[in-house]
Amino acid sequence: MPMSLRRSWRSRLAADRLLLLTDTPGVLGEDGKVIERLSAPRASELMATGTISGGMIPKVEFALSAMRRGVANVAILDGREPGALAAALQGRAAGTIVSKYA
């Protein structure tokens, strides 16, 4: 995540959902499958155990930070997938939805 984006992320947001488009289908679980819904505590646990690793760590950390600043939930989805953005905007599962209490 660019440092300039991190620096500008200090204010409070009031948003229902933040969409993070990436080049992966979402957060993968221990079985290698996409986790459709992920609570904040479970996300922290999966990062601590190494299940969430590599380039997904900054995305999940950013999602958790967004929720601490007022965003209700964050969708991490594959921006290359046709229809993924439309599905996420309509509240349908597309990628992983991270929320306080999945």
N, C-alpha and C. Protein backbone atom coordinates (compact mmCIF):
# COMPACT_ATOMS: atom_id res chain seq x y z
N MET A 1 0.85 -1.17 0.00
CA MET A 1 0.00 0.00 0.00
C MET A 1 0.90 1.24 0.00
N PRO A 2 0.64 2.18 -0.90
CA PRO A 2 1.48 3.37 -0.97
C PRO A 2 1.47 4.15 0.35
N MET A 3 2.63 4.66 0.73
CA MET A 3 2.76 5.41 1.97
C MET A 3 1.85 6.64 1.97
N SER A 4 1.69 7.29 0.81
CA SER A 4 0.83 8.48 0.75
C SER A 4 -0.61 8.13 1.11
N LEU A 5 -1.07 6.94 0.72
CA LEU A 5 -2.42 6.52 1.06
C LEU A 5 -2.53 6.26 2.55
N ARG A 6 -1.50 5.66 3.13
CA ARG A 6 -1.51 5.42 4.57
C ARG A 6 -1.55 6.73 5.35
N ARG A 7 -0.78 7.71 4.91
CA ARG A 7 -0.74 9.00 5.62
C ARG A 7 -2.07 9.73 5.54
N SER A 8 -2.76 9.59 4.41
CA SER A 8 -4.02 10.31 4.24
C SER A 8 -5.19 9.61 4.93
N TRP A 9 -4.95 8.49 5.54
CA TRP A 9 -5.99 7.64 6.09
C TRP A 9 -6.24 7.93 7.57
N ARG A 10 -6.02 9.13 8.01
CA ARG A 10 -6.11 9.44 9.44
C ARG A 10 -7.49 9.92 9.88
N SER A 11 -8.31 10.37 8.96
CA SER A 11 -9.61 10.91 9.35
C SER A 11 -10.66 9.80 9.48
N ARG A 12 -11.78 10.15 10.07
CA ARG A 12 -12.87 9.20 10.28
C ARG A 12 -13.74 9.13 9.02
N LEU A 13 -14.18 7.95 8.68
CA LEU A 13 -15.05 7.75 7.54
C LEU A 13 -16.40 7.23 8.00
N ALA A 14 -17.43 7.61 7.31
CA ALA A 14 -18.75 7.06 7.57
C ALA A 14 -19.21 6.43 6.26
N ALA A 15 -18.89 5.17 6.08
CA ALA A 15 -19.24 4.47 4.85
C ALA A 15 -19.76 3.08 5.18
N ASP A 16 -20.70 2.61 4.39
CA ASP A 16 -21.21 1.26 4.60
C ASP A 16 -20.20 0.21 4.15
N ARG A 17 -19.52 0.48 3.05
CA ARG A 17 -18.59 -0.52 2.53
C ARG A 17 -17.46 0.14 1.76
N LEU A 18 -16.28 -0.41 1.94
CA LEU A 18 -15.11 -0.02 1.17
C LEU A 18 -14.75 -1.21 0.30
N LEU A 19 -14.48 -0.97 -0.97
CA LEU A 19 -14.12 -2.04 -1.89
C LEU A 19 -12.64 -1.95 -2.22
N LEU A 20 -11.93 -3.05 -1.98
CA LEU A 20 -10.52 -3.14 -2.34
C LEU A 20 -10.40 -4.11 -3.51
N LEU A 21 -10.07 -3.59 -4.67
CA LEU A 21 -9.91 -4.43 -5.85
C LEU A 21 -8.46 -4.91 -5.92
N THR A 22 -8.29 -6.19 -6.14
CA THR A 22 -6.97 -6.77 -6.16
C THR A 22 -6.89 -7.78 -7.29
N ASP A 23 -5.80 -8.52 -7.36
CA ASP A 23 -5.64 -9.52 -8.42
C ASP A 23 -5.73 -10.94 -7.87
N THR A 24 -6.40 -11.09 -6.74
CA THR A 24 -6.65 -12.40 -6.15
C THR A 24 -8.14 -12.50 -5.84
N PRO A 25 -8.68 -13.70 -5.71
CA PRO A 25 -10.12 -13.85 -5.52
C PRO A 25 -10.63 -13.42 -4.14
N GLY A 26 -9.75 -13.18 -3.19
CA GLY A 26 -10.13 -12.78 -1.84
C GLY A 26 -9.16 -13.38 -0.85
N VAL A 27 -9.53 -13.36 0.43
CA VAL A 27 -8.69 -13.94 1.48
C VAL A 27 -8.87 -15.45 1.45
N LEU A 28 -7.76 -16.17 1.41
CA LEU A 28 -7.81 -17.63 1.36
C LEU A 28 -7.64 -18.21 2.75
N GLY A 29 -8.41 -19.27 3.04
CA GLY A 29 -8.32 -19.96 4.31
C GLY A 29 -7.26 -21.04 4.29
N GLU A 30 -7.18 -21.79 5.37
CA GLU A 30 -6.20 -22.87 5.48
C GLU A 30 -6.35 -23.90 4.37
N ASP A 31 -7.58 -24.08 3.87
CA ASP A 31 -7.85 -25.06 2.82
C ASP A 31 -7.61 -24.50 1.42
N GLY A 32 -7.19 -23.24 1.31
CA GLY A 32 -6.92 -22.63 0.02
C GLY A 32 -8.15 -22.06 -0.67
N LYS A 33 -9.30 -22.16 -0.02
CA LYS A 33 -10.53 -21.63 -0.59
C LYS A 33 -10.80 -20.23 -0.07
N VAL A 34 -11.54 -19.44 -0.85
CA VAL A 34 -11.87 -18.07 -0.46
C VAL A 34 -12.79 -18.10 0.76
N ILE A 35 -12.44 -17.28 1.74
CA ILE A 35 -13.29 -17.08 2.91
C ILE A 35 -14.28 -15.98 2.54
N GLU A 36 -15.56 -16.31 2.44
CA GLU A 36 -16.55 -15.32 2.00
C GLU A 36 -16.81 -14.25 3.05
N ARG A 37 -16.86 -14.62 4.32
CA ARG A 37 -17.09 -13.67 5.41
C ARG A 37 -16.02 -13.89 6.47
N LEU A 38 -15.44 -12.78 6.92
CA LEU A 38 -14.33 -12.86 7.86
C LEU A 38 -14.48 -11.78 8.91
N SER A 39 -14.51 -12.18 10.17
CA SER A 39 -14.61 -11.20 11.26
C SER A 39 -13.24 -10.58 11.52
N ALA A 40 -13.24 -9.42 12.11
CA ALA A 40 -11.98 -8.75 12.44
C ALA A 40 -11.12 -9.60 13.37
N PRO A 41 -11.69 -10.20 14.44
CA PRO A 41 -10.86 -11.04 15.29
C PRO A 41 -10.27 -12.24 14.56
N ARG A 42 -11.06 -12.87 13.70
CA ARG A 42 -10.57 -14.03 12.94
C ARG A 42 -9.49 -13.61 11.96
N ALA A 43 -9.63 -12.44 11.35
CA ALA A 43 -8.61 -11.94 10.43
C ALA A 43 -7.29 -11.76 11.16
N SER A 44 -7.34 -11.18 12.36
CA SER A 44 -6.12 -10.99 13.15
C SER A 44 -5.50 -12.34 13.50
N GLU A 45 -6.33 -13.30 13.84
CA GLU A 45 -5.85 -14.65 14.18
C GLU A 45 -5.17 -15.31 12.97
N LEU A 46 -5.79 -15.19 11.80
CA LEU A 46 -5.22 -15.81 10.60
C LEU A 46 -3.92 -15.14 10.18
N MET A 47 -3.77 -13.86 10.44
CA MET A 47 -2.49 -13.20 10.16
C MET A 47 -1.43 -13.69 11.13
N ALA A 48 -1.80 -13.84 12.40
CA ALA A 48 -0.84 -14.30 13.42
C ALA A 48 -0.35 -15.72 13.14
N THR A 49 -1.22 -16.57 12.59
CA THR A 49 -0.83 -17.96 12.33
C THR A 49 -0.16 -18.13 10.97
N GLY A 50 -0.16 -17.08 10.15
CA GLY A 50 0.48 -17.16 8.84
C GLY A 50 -0.44 -17.63 7.72
N THR A 51 -1.70 -17.90 8.03
CA THR A 51 -2.64 -18.29 6.97
C THR A 51 -2.84 -17.12 6.01
N ILE A 52 -3.02 -15.93 6.55
CA ILE A 52 -3.02 -14.72 5.73
C ILE A 52 -1.57 -14.26 5.69
N SER A 53 -1.01 -14.21 4.49
CA SER A 53 0.42 -13.90 4.37
C SER A 53 0.69 -13.09 3.11
N GLY A 54 1.94 -12.73 2.94
CA GLY A 54 2.39 -12.03 1.74
C GLY A 54 1.64 -10.74 1.49
N GLY A 55 1.26 -10.54 0.24
CA GLY A 55 0.59 -9.32 -0.17
C GLY A 55 -0.81 -9.13 0.37
N MET A 56 -1.39 -10.19 0.95
CA MET A 56 -2.73 -10.05 1.51
C MET A 56 -2.69 -9.36 2.86
N ILE A 57 -1.56 -9.42 3.56
CA ILE A 57 -1.45 -8.79 4.89
C ILE A 57 -1.76 -7.30 4.84
N PRO A 58 -1.13 -6.51 3.96
CA PRO A 58 -1.46 -5.08 3.96
C PRO A 58 -2.91 -4.79 3.59
N LYS A 59 -3.50 -5.62 2.75
CA LYS A 59 -4.90 -5.43 2.39
C LYS A 59 -5.81 -5.65 3.60
N VAL A 60 -5.56 -6.73 4.33
CA VAL A 60 -6.38 -7.02 5.51
C VAL A 60 -6.13 -5.99 6.60
N GLU A 61 -4.88 -5.58 6.79
CA GLU A 61 -4.58 -4.55 7.79
C GLU A 61 -5.29 -3.24 7.43
N PHE A 62 -5.30 -2.91 6.15
CA PHE A 62 -6.00 -1.70 5.70
C PHE A 62 -7.50 -1.83 5.96
N ALA A 63 -8.06 -3.02 5.71
CA ALA A 63 -9.48 -3.26 5.97
C ALA A 63 -9.80 -3.07 7.45
N LEU A 64 -8.97 -3.62 8.32
CA LEU A 64 -9.18 -3.49 9.76
C LEU A 64 -9.06 -2.03 10.19
N SER A 65 -8.11 -1.32 9.62
CA SER A 65 -7.94 0.10 9.92
C SER A 65 -9.16 0.90 9.46
N ALA A 66 -9.69 0.58 8.30
CA ALA A 66 -10.88 1.26 7.79
C ALA A 66 -12.07 1.06 8.72
N MET A 67 -12.21 -0.14 9.23
CA MET A 67 -13.33 -0.41 10.14
C MET A 67 -13.16 0.33 11.46
N ARG A 68 -11.94 0.47 11.92
CA ARG A 68 -11.70 1.25 13.14
C ARG A 68 -12.04 2.72 12.93
N ARG A 69 -12.04 3.16 11.70
CA ARG A 69 -12.32 4.56 11.37
C ARG A 69 -13.75 4.78 10.88
N GLY A 70 -14.61 3.78 11.04
CA GLY A 70 -16.02 3.98 10.76
C GLY A 70 -16.62 3.25 9.59
N VAL A 71 -15.82 2.58 8.77
CA VAL A 71 -16.37 1.82 7.66
C VAL A 71 -17.02 0.55 8.21
N ALA A 72 -18.24 0.25 7.79
CA ALA A 72 -18.97 -0.89 8.33
C ALA A 72 -18.34 -2.22 7.94
N ASN A 73 -17.97 -2.37 6.67
CA ASN A 73 -17.29 -3.59 6.24
C ASN A 73 -16.49 -3.31 4.98
N VAL A 74 -15.58 -4.22 4.69
CA VAL A 74 -14.67 -4.04 3.57
C VAL A 74 -14.72 -5.29 2.70
N ALA A 75 -14.90 -5.09 1.40
CA ALA A 75 -14.88 -6.21 0.46
C ALA A 75 -13.51 -6.23 -0.22
N ILE A 76 -12.86 -7.38 -0.15
CA ILE A 76 -11.60 -7.61 -0.86
C ILE A 76 -11.94 -8.55 -2.01
N LEU A 77 -11.85 -8.04 -3.24
CA LEU A 77 -12.29 -8.84 -4.37
C LEU A 77 -11.37 -8.71 -5.57
N ASP A 78 -11.51 -9.67 -6.47
CA ASP A 78 -10.69 -9.73 -7.67
C ASP A 78 -11.25 -8.77 -8.70
N GLY A 79 -10.54 -7.68 -8.93
CA GLY A 79 -10.98 -6.68 -9.89
C GLY A 79 -10.94 -7.16 -11.33
N ARG A 80 -10.27 -8.28 -11.58
CA ARG A 80 -10.21 -8.83 -12.94
C ARG A 80 -11.42 -9.68 -13.27
N GLU A 81 -12.17 -10.07 -12.24
CA GLU A 81 -13.31 -10.97 -12.42
C GLU A 81 -14.52 -10.20 -12.93
N PRO A 82 -15.06 -10.56 -14.12
CA PRO A 82 -16.25 -9.87 -14.63
C PRO A 82 -17.41 -9.97 -13.64
N GLY A 83 -18.03 -8.85 -13.35
CA GLY A 83 -19.19 -8.82 -12.47
C GLY A 83 -18.88 -8.75 -10.99
N ALA A 84 -17.61 -8.86 -10.59
CA ALA A 84 -17.27 -8.86 -9.17
C ALA A 84 -17.62 -7.53 -8.51
N LEU A 85 -17.31 -6.44 -9.17
CA LEU A 85 -17.60 -5.12 -8.59
C LEU A 85 -19.12 -4.91 -8.47
N ALA A 86 -19.86 -5.25 -9.49
CA ALA A 86 -21.32 -5.09 -9.45
C ALA A 86 -21.92 -5.96 -8.34
N ALA A 87 -21.43 -7.18 -8.20
CA ALA A 87 -21.93 -8.07 -7.15
C ALA A 87 -21.66 -7.49 -5.78
N ALA A 88 -20.47 -6.96 -5.57
CA ALA A 88 -20.12 -6.38 -4.27
C ALA A 88 -20.97 -5.16 -3.97
N LEU A 89 -21.22 -4.33 -4.96
CA LEU A 89 -22.05 -3.15 -4.76
C LEU A 89 -23.49 -3.51 -4.43
N GLN A 90 -23.93 -4.67 -4.88
CA GLN A 90 -25.30 -5.12 -4.61
C GLN A 90 -25.37 -5.97 -3.34
N GLY A 91 -24.25 -6.12 -2.64
CA GLY A 91 -24.25 -6.85 -1.38
C GLY A 91 -24.15 -8.35 -1.53
N ARG A 92 -23.91 -8.83 -2.74
CA ARG A 92 -23.74 -10.26 -2.96
C ARG A 92 -22.29 -10.64 -2.72
N ALA A 93 -22.07 -11.86 -2.33
CA ALA A 93 -20.72 -12.33 -2.05
C ALA A 93 -19.85 -12.24 -3.30
N ALA A 94 -18.77 -11.55 -3.19
CA ALA A 94 -17.76 -11.47 -4.23
C ALA A 94 -16.45 -11.29 -3.49
N GLY A 95 -15.62 -12.29 -3.49
CA GLY A 95 -14.39 -12.20 -2.72
C GLY A 95 -14.66 -12.40 -1.25
N THR A 96 -14.00 -11.61 -0.42
CA THR A 96 -14.12 -11.72 1.02
C THR A 96 -14.69 -10.44 1.60
N ILE A 97 -15.70 -10.56 2.46
CA ILE A 97 -16.25 -9.42 3.18
C ILE A 97 -15.69 -9.48 4.60
N VAL A 98 -14.94 -8.44 4.97
CA VAL A 98 -14.38 -8.35 6.31
C VAL A 98 -15.26 -7.40 7.11
N SER A 99 -15.71 -7.85 8.27
CA SER A 99 -16.54 -7.01 9.12
C SER A 99 -16.20 -7.27 10.58
N LYS A 100 -16.73 -6.44 11.46
CA LYS A 100 -16.42 -6.60 12.87
C LYS A 100 -16.82 -7.97 13.40
N TYR A 101 -18.00 -8.43 12.99
CA TYR A 101 -18.52 -9.68 13.52
C TYR A 101 -19.01 -10.62 12.45
N ALA A 102 -18.32 -10.70 11.33
CA ALA A 102 -18.69 -11.54 10.18
C ALA A 102 -20.02 -12.18 10.42
